Protein backbone atom coordinates (compact mmCIF):
# COMPACT_ATOMS: atom_id res chain seq x y z
CA MET A 1 -3.09 -0.40 -9.19
CA LEU A 2 -1.11 -2.96 -7.02
CA VAL A 3 -2.40 -6.52 -7.93
CA GLY A 4 -0.85 -10.23 -5.76
CA ASP A 5 -2.31 -12.80 -3.86
CA LYS A 6 -2.21 -12.38 -0.03
CA GLY A 7 1.02 -12.19 1.32
CA ALA A 8 2.82 -10.75 -1.22
CA GLY A 9 3.82 -7.63 0.22
CA LYS A 10 1.41 -5.31 -1.78
CA THR A 11 0.42 -3.41 1.83
CA THR A 12 4.54 -3.05 2.29
CA LEU A 13 4.88 -2.00 -1.17
CA SER A 14 2.63 0.56 -0.40
CA ALA A 15 3.65 1.50 2.81
CA ARG A 16 7.13 2.42 1.57
CA LEU A 17 5.66 4.21 -1.32
CA LEU A 18 4.21 6.39 1.22
CA PHE A 19 7.48 7.13 3.22
CA GLU A 20 8.61 7.91 -0.36
CA ASP A 21 6.64 10.86 -0.47
CA ILE A 22 4.39 9.36 -3.16
CA GLU A 23 1.03 8.95 -3.33
CA VAL A 24 -1.45 5.93 -2.42
CA PHE A 25 -5.07 5.63 -2.60
CA GLY A 26 -5.52 2.47 -0.59
CA ASP A 27 -4.05 -0.50 -0.79
CA GLU A 28 -7.01 -2.96 -0.16
CA LYS A 29 -10.43 -2.63 -2.53
CA VAL A 30 -11.20 -0.36 -6.06
CA LEU A 31 -14.20 0.08 -7.88
CA VAL A 32 -14.13 -0.07 -11.32
CA GLN A 33 -16.56 1.46 -13.45
CA GLY A 34 -16.18 1.95 -17.24
CA SER A 35 -12.88 3.41 -17.89
CA LYS A 36 -12.64 4.65 -14.24
CA VAL A 37 -11.20 3.32 -11.06
CA ILE A 38 -12.31 4.79 -7.92
CA PRO A 39 -10.16 3.70 -4.99
CA LEU A 40 -11.66 2.31 -1.97
CA PRO A 41 -9.10 3.59 1.32
CA ARG A 42 -8.92 2.09 4.74
CA LYS A 43 -6.61 2.41 7.54
CA PHE A 44 -3.50 0.58 6.95
CA HIS A 45 -3.23 -3.09 8.79
CA LEU A 46 0.89 -2.81 9.35
CA THR A 47 3.03 -4.68 12.12
CA LEU A 48 6.85 -3.54 12.57
CA SER A 49 7.69 -6.97 11.36
CA LEU A 50 6.84 -6.32 8.25
CA PHE A 51 9.24 -4.18 7.95
CA SER A 52 13.68 -4.72 8.13
CA ALA A 53 15.57 -1.43 9.71
CA ARG A 54 16.98 -1.15 6.65
CA ASP A 55 13.00 -0.18 4.98
CA LEU A 56 12.27 2.52 7.93
CA PRO A 57 13.11 5.98 7.37
CA LEU A 58 16.04 8.12 9.12
CA ILE A 59 14.45 10.94 10.83
């Protein structure tokens, strides 16, 4: 689970992890129920300006 202030880069990091084939369940909300953490996925809201050319995957 990533925790940080708005604009800290949580979504950008989550997107980068996806480019590295690391499974990401969501980047917005989770439900904590006892010892269980249940992701509540949504679409990522990204703009190209979040990435520099070196961050984009080579195709």
